[in-house]
Amino acid sequence: MKQAPPLRAALIGAGHISAQHAPAWVATPDATLVAVCDVDRARAENRRDQLASLGHADVAIYTDVDDLLANTNLDCVDLATRPDTHRGLIERASEAGVHVLCQKPLAASVAEASAMVETCRRASVRFMVNEMWRFLPWFRDLGRLLSEGAIGPAHYLRVVGPHRPLRRARPVDDGQPYFADMPRLIVYEMYIHWIDCARFLLGEIESVYARAGRINPSIVGEDWAVLVLGHAGGGTSMIESSWATPDDAPTRRREGDILLEGADGSLHFDPATLELRLARPGGVEVVARYPSLDRAFQSAFDGCIGHFAAAVRSGAAFESPAEDNVRTLAATLAAYESLERRAVVAVGGLGRPPSGERRLIRRMLVPLSRWEREKDERPPV
C-alpha cells in the first residue's frame, strides 16, 4: 500500500510552551509545519524565527484562526493555547475536517471535555491530547520494566515533585504570568501530568483524596498539594509538590523523585543523578542514565507529537486518545471535590471508595494523640 504524504500541520498558539512544540514538528518525518497562528503577531513571528533557526523555513503567519483554516490546506492543528480557548478552537477545526492535537489541561470540566470528544467523533476528526509526560524516557523505561516483570506486580507509586516557588509579586512567573489568576493551579496545571503517568503505570484511578493550600499572597489558586490515588487494581499512588517554597535542590528542575514499588523490588528515578535504579533483594543496579533534563523533556515532546503525526498519517491507534485523557482530567478534578468535601471521592462513576480505604485515609486527619487514645475502640480495617 502506498504511504500517505506527510501531514500539513499548523501550530495555533505561540506562547511559552510552543517553544517545545516547534522543534518536535521539525523532528517528525510524518508532518510538515506550514503555518503558525497567534493573536499576537510578534509571538508568531518569534516562533517562525525559531523554526527557521532549526532549518525549517517557509512558514506562514496568521493572527486569526478562521483565516488560517480558510486559506491553508491543512491536515491537522496543534493547539498550544490556554484551556478556556480549547472548545471553540476544536469546534472550528472539526468543522474544517482537520485533525486535532490539543495541549493539556483539556477543559475545566469533564462534561466540556466529553463534548469536545463528541464534536470530533461526529466530524470523523481524530483527536489526541498532548500529554507528553508519559513520553519522558524514565516513564517509558518504568513502563517497559514493569511489563517485563522486573519488580513483580506493582502496588505503589510515589512522586515527590520539585519545589519551585512562584514569585511573591506579579508577574509570578515570567513565562506563564497567568498562573496568578488561576483558581485551580498546581493540581490542574502540574499534577495532571503525574496523574496521567499513575494511570499509565498502575491503571485506572477509582478514588482521590487531597490536601492542599495557598501560601503565596500574589496568587488565587493552590500552590502546594498532597494527593493519594486509589487504583482500581488495588494499587496506590502518592503525589506531592510545591510552588510555594524552595527546597534544597542545588539546581532548579522540572521533574520529581519517582519511586515505583513492586512485590519483588522497586524502581527509582533520581532526578539529582538522572539515574533509574532497580533495587531487589540481591542488590541495586543502575538500569538507565539520562543525559540531561532539558534533552529528556524535548524528547518527550518529540515523542508525543511524533506519535500523533505518525498515527494520523498511517491510521494507527493513538496510545492515549482524547477520550482516554478525559479519565485523567476526571481524576484531576476529583482532587478539588475532595478538598471541598474533606473526604475520599470516587472518580468517574466507579462508585464509593472501599470502606477500608475510607477509614485508612480518615486516620490521616486524626491527630496522633487522639489516634493513640482511640486505637482500641476502632474495628479492624
Protein backbone atom coordinates (compact mmCIF):
# COMPACT_ATOMS: atom_id res chain seq x y z
CA MET A 1 0.00 0.00 0.00
CA LYS A 2 1.29 3.44 -0.92
CA GLN A 3 2.10 5.59 2.11
CA ALA A 4 0.14 8.79 2.59
CA PRO A 5 2.14 12.00 2.18
CA PRO A 6 3.36 13.84 5.30
CA LEU A 7 0.66 15.82 7.08
CA ARG A 8 0.37 19.56 6.64
CA ALA A 9 0.19 20.98 10.17
CA ALA A 10 -0.39 24.35 11.80
CA LEU A 11 0.63 25.44 15.29
CA ILE A 12 -2.06 27.54 16.96
CA GLY A 13 -0.67 29.45 19.93
CA ALA A 14 2.90 30.73 20.01
CA GLY A 15 3.36 31.32 23.73
CA HIS A 16 5.59 29.77 26.37
CA ILE A 17 5.07 26.03 25.80
CA SER A 18 5.02 26.26 22.00
CA ALA A 19 8.80 26.70 22.08
CA GLN A 20 8.99 22.95 22.70
CA HIS A 21 6.24 22.07 20.24
CA ALA A 22 8.05 23.70 17.33
CA PRO A 23 11.23 21.52 17.37
CA ALA A 24 9.06 18.42 17.70
CA TRP A 25 7.24 19.25 14.46
CA VAL A 26 10.61 19.74 12.75
CA ALA A 27 11.80 16.36 14.09
CA THR A 28 8.89 14.22 12.85
CA PRO A 29 9.13 12.77 9.32
CA ASP A 30 5.37 12.36 9.24
CA ALA A 31 4.37 16.03 9.06
CA THR A 32 5.44 19.45 7.85
CA LEU A 33 4.57 22.54 9.86
CA VAL A 34 3.30 25.04 7.32
CA ALA A 35 1.79 27.79 9.50
CA VAL A 36 1.87 29.41 12.93
CA CYS A 37 -1.13 31.33 14.27
CA ASP A 38 -1.30 33.61 17.30
CA VAL A 39 -3.37 36.69 18.09
CA ASP A 40 -0.06 38.40 18.87
CA ARG A 41 1.78 38.61 15.54
CA ALA A 42 5.12 39.26 17.23
CA ARG A 43 4.87 35.98 19.13
CA ALA A 44 4.01 34.11 15.94
CA GLU A 45 6.98 35.69 14.20
CA ASN A 46 9.26 34.69 17.08
CA ARG A 47 8.14 31.10 16.68
CA ARG A 48 8.71 31.30 12.92
CA ASP A 49 12.23 32.59 13.61
CA GLN A 50 12.84 29.64 15.93
CA LEU A 51 11.72 27.26 13.20
CA ALA A 52 14.00 28.98 10.70
CA SER A 53 16.94 28.55 13.07
CA LEU A 54 16.18 24.81 13.02
CA GLY A 55 16.34 24.79 9.23
CA HIS A 56 12.59 24.91 8.69
CA ALA A 57 11.60 27.88 6.54
CA ASP A 58 8.52 28.88 4.52
CA VAL A 59 6.14 29.04 7.46
CA ALA A 60 3.09 31.27 7.02
CA ILE A 61 1.98 33.63 9.82
CA TYR A 62 -1.65 34.16 10.82
CA THR A 63 -3.30 36.12 13.60
CA ASP A 64 -6.83 34.79 13.02
CA VAL A 65 -7.79 31.10 13.20
CA ASP A 66 -10.65 31.47 10.73
CA ASP A 67 -8.26 32.99 8.17
CA LEU A 68 -5.82 30.14 8.80
CA LEU A 69 -8.43 27.44 8.27
CA ALA A 70 -9.95 29.15 5.23
CA ASN A 71 -6.71 29.89 3.43
CA THR A 72 -4.39 26.99 4.28
CA ASN A 73 -4.63 23.40 3.14
CA LEU A 74 -4.26 21.59 6.46
CA ASP A 75 -4.47 18.02 7.72
CA CYS A 76 -4.08 18.80 11.42
CA VAL A 77 -3.63 21.53 14.00
CA ASP A 78 -1.67 21.63 17.25
CA LEU A 79 -3.46 23.74 19.86
CA ALA A 80 -0.88 25.21 22.27
CA THR A 81 -3.34 27.57 23.91
CA ARG A 82 -5.00 28.03 27.31
CA PRO A 83 -7.82 25.67 28.34
CA ASP A 84 -10.60 28.25 28.04
CA THR A 85 -9.90 28.52 24.29
CA HIS A 86 -9.92 24.81 23.51
CA ARG A 87 -13.60 24.13 22.90
CA GLY A 88 -14.10 26.93 20.38
CA LEU A 89 -10.90 26.08 18.51
CA ILE A 90 -11.74 22.38 18.41
CA GLU A 91 -15.20 23.12 17.04
CA ARG A 92 -13.74 25.27 14.26
CA ALA A 93 -11.07 22.69 13.41
CA SER A 94 -13.69 19.94 13.33
CA GLU A 95 -15.90 21.96 11.00
CA ALA A 96 -12.91 22.27 8.69
CA GLY A 97 -12.28 18.50 8.83
CA VAL A 98 -8.86 18.98 10.45
CA HIS A 99 -7.42 16.52 12.99
CA VAL A 100 -6.59 17.94 16.42
CA LEU A 101 -3.73 17.68 18.90
CA CYS A 102 -4.56 19.75 21.99
CA GLN A 103 -2.48 20.96 24.91
CA LYS A 104 -3.46 19.87 28.43
CA PRO A 105 -5.43 20.55 30.58
CA LEU A 106 -8.16 19.81 28.09
CA ALA A 107 -11.07 21.59 29.80
CA ALA A 108 -12.46 22.97 33.05
CA SER A 109 -14.97 20.12 33.41
CA VAL A 110 -15.43 16.53 32.35
CA ALA A 111 -18.68 17.50 30.62
CA GLU A 112 -16.91 20.09 28.47
CA ALA A 113 -14.08 17.69 27.63
CA SER A 114 -16.55 14.96 26.70
CA ALA A 115 -18.39 17.41 24.45
CA MET A 116 -15.15 18.11 22.58
CA VAL A 117 -14.59 14.38 22.09
CA GLU A 118 -18.13 14.03 20.73
CA THR A 119 -17.65 17.01 18.39
CA CYS A 120 -14.59 15.38 16.85
CA ARG A 121 -16.26 11.97 16.65
CA ARG A 122 -19.23 13.37 14.75
CA ALA A 123 -16.90 15.15 12.33
CA SER A 124 -14.75 12.00 11.86
CA VAL A 125 -11.80 14.02 13.09
CA ARG A 126 -9.08 12.34 15.13
CA PHE A 127 -8.37 13.95 18.49
CA MET A 128 -5.48 13.47 20.90
CA VAL A 129 -4.30 15.42 23.94
CA ASN A 130 -0.63 16.43 24.07
CA GLU A 131 0.04 14.70 27.40
CA MET A 132 3.77 14.32 26.88
CA TRP A 133 4.82 13.42 30.43
CA ARG A 134 4.26 9.71 29.84
CA PHE A 135 6.73 10.05 26.92
CA LEU A 136 9.55 11.12 29.27
CA PRO A 137 12.28 8.46 28.95
CA TRP A 138 12.17 7.39 32.60
CA PHE A 139 8.41 6.83 32.47
CA ARG A 140 8.82 4.84 29.24
CA ASP A 141 11.51 2.76 30.95
CA LEU A 142 9.40 2.34 34.09
CA GLY A 143 6.51 1.06 31.99
CA ARG A 144 8.72 -1.28 29.99
CA LEU A 145 10.49 -2.74 33.03
CA LEU A 146 7.20 -3.15 34.85
CA SER A 147 5.70 -5.04 31.89
CA GLU A 148 8.82 -7.24 31.75
CA GLY A 149 8.29 -8.25 35.38
CA ALA A 150 11.43 -6.59 36.75
CA ILE A 151 9.79 -5.80 40.11
CA GLY A 152 6.78 -8.08 40.02
CA PRO A 153 3.25 -6.71 40.33
CA ALA A 154 3.40 -3.01 41.30
CA HIS A 155 1.36 -1.73 44.23
CA TYR A 156 2.75 1.75 44.98
CA LEU A 157 3.90 4.82 43.07
CA ARG A 158 5.40 7.80 44.90
CA VAL A 159 6.09 11.13 43.23
CA VAL A 160 7.89 13.82 45.22
CA GLY A 161 7.81 16.73 42.83
CA PRO A 162 10.24 19.62 42.71
CA HIS A 163 9.67 22.69 44.85
CA ARG A 164 9.86 25.67 42.50
CA PRO A 165 8.33 28.70 44.21
CA LEU A 166 6.44 31.27 42.21
CA ARG A 167 7.45 34.88 42.71
CA ARG A 168 5.51 36.57 45.53
CA ALA A 169 4.86 39.60 43.38
CA ARG A 170 3.35 39.87 39.93
CA PRO A 171 4.30 38.62 37.43
CA VAL A 172 4.61 35.45 39.49
CA ASP A 173 6.22 33.60 36.57
CA ASP A 174 7.89 35.19 33.58
CA GLY A 175 6.83 32.50 31.11
CA GLN A 176 3.31 31.93 32.44
CA PRO A 177 2.19 35.05 34.34
CA TYR A 178 -1.47 33.97 34.07
CA PHE A 179 -0.77 31.39 36.80
CA ALA A 180 -1.51 34.18 39.28
CA ASP A 181 -5.21 34.29 38.39
CA MET A 182 -5.92 30.57 38.01
CA PRO A 183 -8.37 29.44 40.74
CA ARG A 184 -7.16 25.88 40.22
CA LEU A 185 -3.41 25.90 39.98
CA ILE A 186 -0.79 23.31 40.86
CA VAL A 187 -3.03 20.23 40.69
CA TYR A 188 -4.78 21.34 37.49
CA GLU A 189 -1.66 22.64 35.78
CA MET A 190 1.08 20.31 37.07
CA TYR A 191 -0.23 17.25 38.93
CA ILE A 192 -2.36 16.32 35.93
CA HIS A 193 0.87 15.09 34.29
CA TRP A 194 1.72 12.76 37.16
CA ILE A 195 -1.88 11.60 37.47
CA ASP A 196 -1.74 10.53 33.83
CA CYS A 197 1.53 8.70 34.49
CA ALA A 198 -0.01 6.99 37.51
CA ARG A 199 -2.76 5.68 35.23
CA PHE A 200 -0.11 4.64 32.69
CA LEU A 201 1.74 2.57 35.30
CA LEU A 202 -0.88 1.36 37.82
CA GLY A 203 -4.10 1.52 35.82
CA GLU A 204 -7.38 3.33 36.28
CA ILE A 205 -7.95 5.57 39.30
CA GLU A 206 -11.13 4.96 41.27
CA SER A 207 -10.64 7.31 44.24
CA VAL A 208 -8.80 10.51 45.17
CA TYR A 209 -8.00 12.14 48.50
CA ALA A 210 -6.39 15.60 48.51
CA ARG A 211 -4.95 18.15 50.92
CA ALA A 212 -3.77 21.47 49.53
CA GLY A 213 -3.46 25.16 50.27
CA ARG A 214 -2.24 28.57 49.17
CA ILE A 215 0.82 30.23 50.70
CA ASN A 216 1.69 32.88 48.10
CA PRO A 217 -0.44 36.04 48.61
CA SER A 218 0.02 37.04 44.95
CA ILE A 219 -1.92 34.11 43.53
CA VAL A 220 -5.50 32.86 43.65
CA GLY A 221 -5.17 29.08 43.46
CA GLU A 222 -3.40 26.41 45.50
CA ASP A 223 0.41 26.27 45.38
CA TRP A 224 1.03 23.06 47.34
CA ALA A 225 -0.83 19.76 47.48
CA VAL A 226 -0.67 16.13 48.54
CA LEU A 227 -2.77 13.56 46.66
CA VAL A 228 -3.47 9.92 47.43
CA LEU A 229 -4.88 7.99 44.47
CA GLY A 230 -6.60 4.63 44.81
CA HIS A 231 -6.31 2.47 41.70
CA ALA A 232 -8.97 0.01 40.60
CA GLY A 233 -6.40 -2.79 40.57
CA GLY A 234 -5.56 -2.26 44.24
CA GLY A 235 -2.50 -0.03 43.87
CA THR A 236 -1.91 3.36 45.49
CA SER A 237 -0.16 6.48 44.24
CA MET A 238 1.02 9.41 46.37
CA ILE A 239 1.93 12.74 44.76
CA GLU A 240 3.28 15.85 46.47
CA SER A 241 4.97 19.01 45.28
CA SER A 242 5.02 22.73 45.94
CA TRP A 243 5.17 26.03 44.13
CA ALA A 244 5.12 27.82 47.49
CA THR A 245 8.59 27.44 48.97
CA PRO A 246 12.02 26.26 47.77
CA ASP A 247 13.75 23.02 48.66
CA ASP A 248 17.47 22.35 48.98
CA ALA A 249 17.99 21.02 45.46
CA PRO A 250 21.20 22.53 44.05
CA THR A 251 19.56 23.45 40.74
CA ARG A 252 16.04 24.28 39.59
CA ARG A 253 14.46 21.24 37.96
CA ARG A 254 11.23 20.25 36.27
CA GLU A 255 10.84 16.67 37.43
CA GLY A 256 10.43 14.94 40.74
CA ASP A 257 11.77 11.91 42.51
CA ILE A 258 9.85 8.83 41.30
CA LEU A 259 9.60 5.51 43.17
CA LEU A 260 7.67 2.53 41.79
CA GLU A 261 7.40 -0.34 44.24
CA GLY A 262 6.50 -3.93 43.35
CA ALA A 263 6.25 -7.27 45.11
CA ASP A 264 9.80 -8.23 44.09
CA GLY A 265 11.65 -4.91 44.15
CA SER A 266 11.49 -1.23 43.30
CA LEU A 267 12.46 1.18 40.55
CA HIS A 268 13.70 4.64 41.50
CA PHE A 269 14.24 7.60 39.17
CA ASP A 270 16.60 10.00 40.93
CA PRO A 271 16.48 13.48 39.34
CA ALA A 272 19.67 14.51 41.15
CA THR A 273 21.78 11.85 39.43
CA LEU A 274 19.49 11.31 36.40
CA GLU A 275 19.66 7.57 37.08
CA LEU A 276 16.98 4.90 37.07
CA ARG A 277 17.90 2.28 39.66
CA LEU A 278 16.48 -1.19 40.19
CA ALA A 279 16.57 -2.48 43.78
CA ARG A 280 15.92 -6.15 44.50
CA PRO A 281 16.88 -8.41 47.41
CA GLY A 282 20.16 -9.24 45.67
CA GLY A 283 21.28 -5.63 45.36
CA VAL A 284 20.89 -2.38 43.43
CA GLU A 285 21.81 -1.73 39.80
CA VAL A 286 21.60 1.32 37.57
CA VAL A 287 19.43 0.31 34.63
CA ALA A 288 19.38 3.65 32.79
CA ARG A 289 21.14 7.01 32.77
CA TYR A 290 19.74 10.11 31.10
CA PRO A 291 21.96 12.86 29.65
CA SER A 292 20.01 15.91 30.81
CA LEU A 293 16.55 17.02 31.90
CA ASP A 294 16.33 19.52 29.05
CA ARG A 295 17.05 16.86 26.43
CA ALA A 296 14.67 14.45 28.11
CA PHE A 297 11.81 16.93 28.08
CA GLN A 298 12.34 17.86 24.45
CA SER A 299 12.45 14.16 23.58
CA ALA A 300 9.08 13.76 25.32
CA PHE A 301 7.54 16.49 23.16
CA ASP A 302 9.20 14.92 20.11
CA GLY A 303 7.81 11.52 21.05
CA CYS A 304 4.27 12.69 21.75
CA ILE A 305 3.92 14.93 18.69
CA GLY A 306 5.71 12.39 16.52
CA HIS A 307 3.31 9.67 17.72
CA PHE A 308 0.30 11.85 16.87
CA ALA A 309 1.60 12.62 13.36
CA ALA A 310 2.56 9.01 12.62
CA ALA A 311 -0.78 7.65 13.84
CA VAL A 312 -2.83 10.15 11.83
CA ARG A 313 -0.72 9.56 8.73
CA SER A 314 -0.89 5.76 8.96
CA GLY A 315 -4.34 5.36 10.51
CA ALA A 316 -2.88 3.60 13.57
CA ALA A 317 -4.44 3.93 17.01
CA PHE A 318 -3.32 6.62 19.46
CA GLU A 319 -1.71 5.37 22.65
CA SER A 320 -3.80 7.87 24.60
CA PRO A 321 -6.70 9.32 22.58
CA ALA A 322 -8.66 12.28 23.91
CA GLU A 323 -11.40 10.07 25.34
CA ASP A 324 -8.74 8.35 27.46
CA ASN A 325 -7.35 11.67 28.65
CA VAL A 326 -10.83 12.60 29.89
CA ARG A 327 -10.23 9.97 32.59
CA THR A 328 -7.04 11.74 33.63
CA LEU A 329 -8.97 15.02 33.77
CA ALA A 330 -11.73 13.38 35.85
CA ALA A 331 -9.19 12.21 38.45
CA THR A 332 -7.58 15.66 38.48
CA LEU A 333 -10.86 17.46 39.06
CA ALA A 334 -11.83 14.90 41.71
CA ALA A 335 -8.95 16.30 43.80
CA TYR A 336 -10.81 19.62 44.05
CA GLU A 337 -14.01 17.85 45.06
CA SER A 338 -12.00 16.05 47.74
CA LEU A 339 -10.64 19.38 49.01
CA GLU A 340 -14.13 20.84 49.19
CA ARG A 341 -15.63 17.82 50.96
CA ARG A 342 -12.53 16.90 53.00
CA ALA A 343 -13.18 13.31 52.00
CA VAL A 344 -12.14 10.50 49.72
CA VAL A 345 -14.12 10.84 46.48
CA ALA A 346 -14.87 8.35 43.74
CA VAL A 347 -13.76 9.01 40.16
CA GLY A 348 -15.76 8.54 37.01
CA GLY A 349 -18.82 6.81 38.34
CA LEU A 350 -16.85 3.85 39.67
CA GLY A 351 -18.73 4.01 42.96
CA ARG A 352 -17.72 4.87 46.51
CA PRO A 353 -14.16 4.06 47.57
CA PRO A 354 -13.86 0.81 49.54
CA SER A 355 -14.80 1.26 53.20
CA GLY A 356 -11.36 0.13 54.34
CA GLU A 357 -9.74 2.81 52.20
CA ARG A 358 -12.10 5.47 53.58
CA ARG A 359 -11.18 4.50 57.14
CA LEU A 360 -7.46 4.41 56.32
CA ILE A 361 -7.45 7.92 54.88
CA ARG A 362 -9.65 9.28 57.68
CA ARG A 363 -6.85 8.29 60.03
CA MET A 364 -4.66 10.80 58.23
CA LEU A 365 -6.95 13.55 59.52
CA VAL A 366 -6.85 12.45 63.16
CA PRO A 367 -4.16 13.93 65.44
CA LEU A 368 -1.71 11.28 66.61
CA SER A 369 -2.59 11.63 70.29
CA ARG A 370 -6.28 11.07 69.54
CA TRP A 371 -5.40 8.14 67.28
CA GLU A 372 -3.45 6.56 70.11
CA ARG A 373 -6.29 7.15 72.59
CA GLU A 374 -8.90 5.62 70.32
CA LYS A 375 -6.97 2.83 68.64
CA ASP A 376 -8.53 0.14 70.81
CA GLU A 377 -12.06 1.37 70.10
CA ARG A 378 -11.98 1.03 66.30
CA PRO A 379 -12.88 -2.11 64.36
CA PRO A 380 -10.04 -3.58 62.27
CA VAL A 381 -9.67 -2.34 58.70
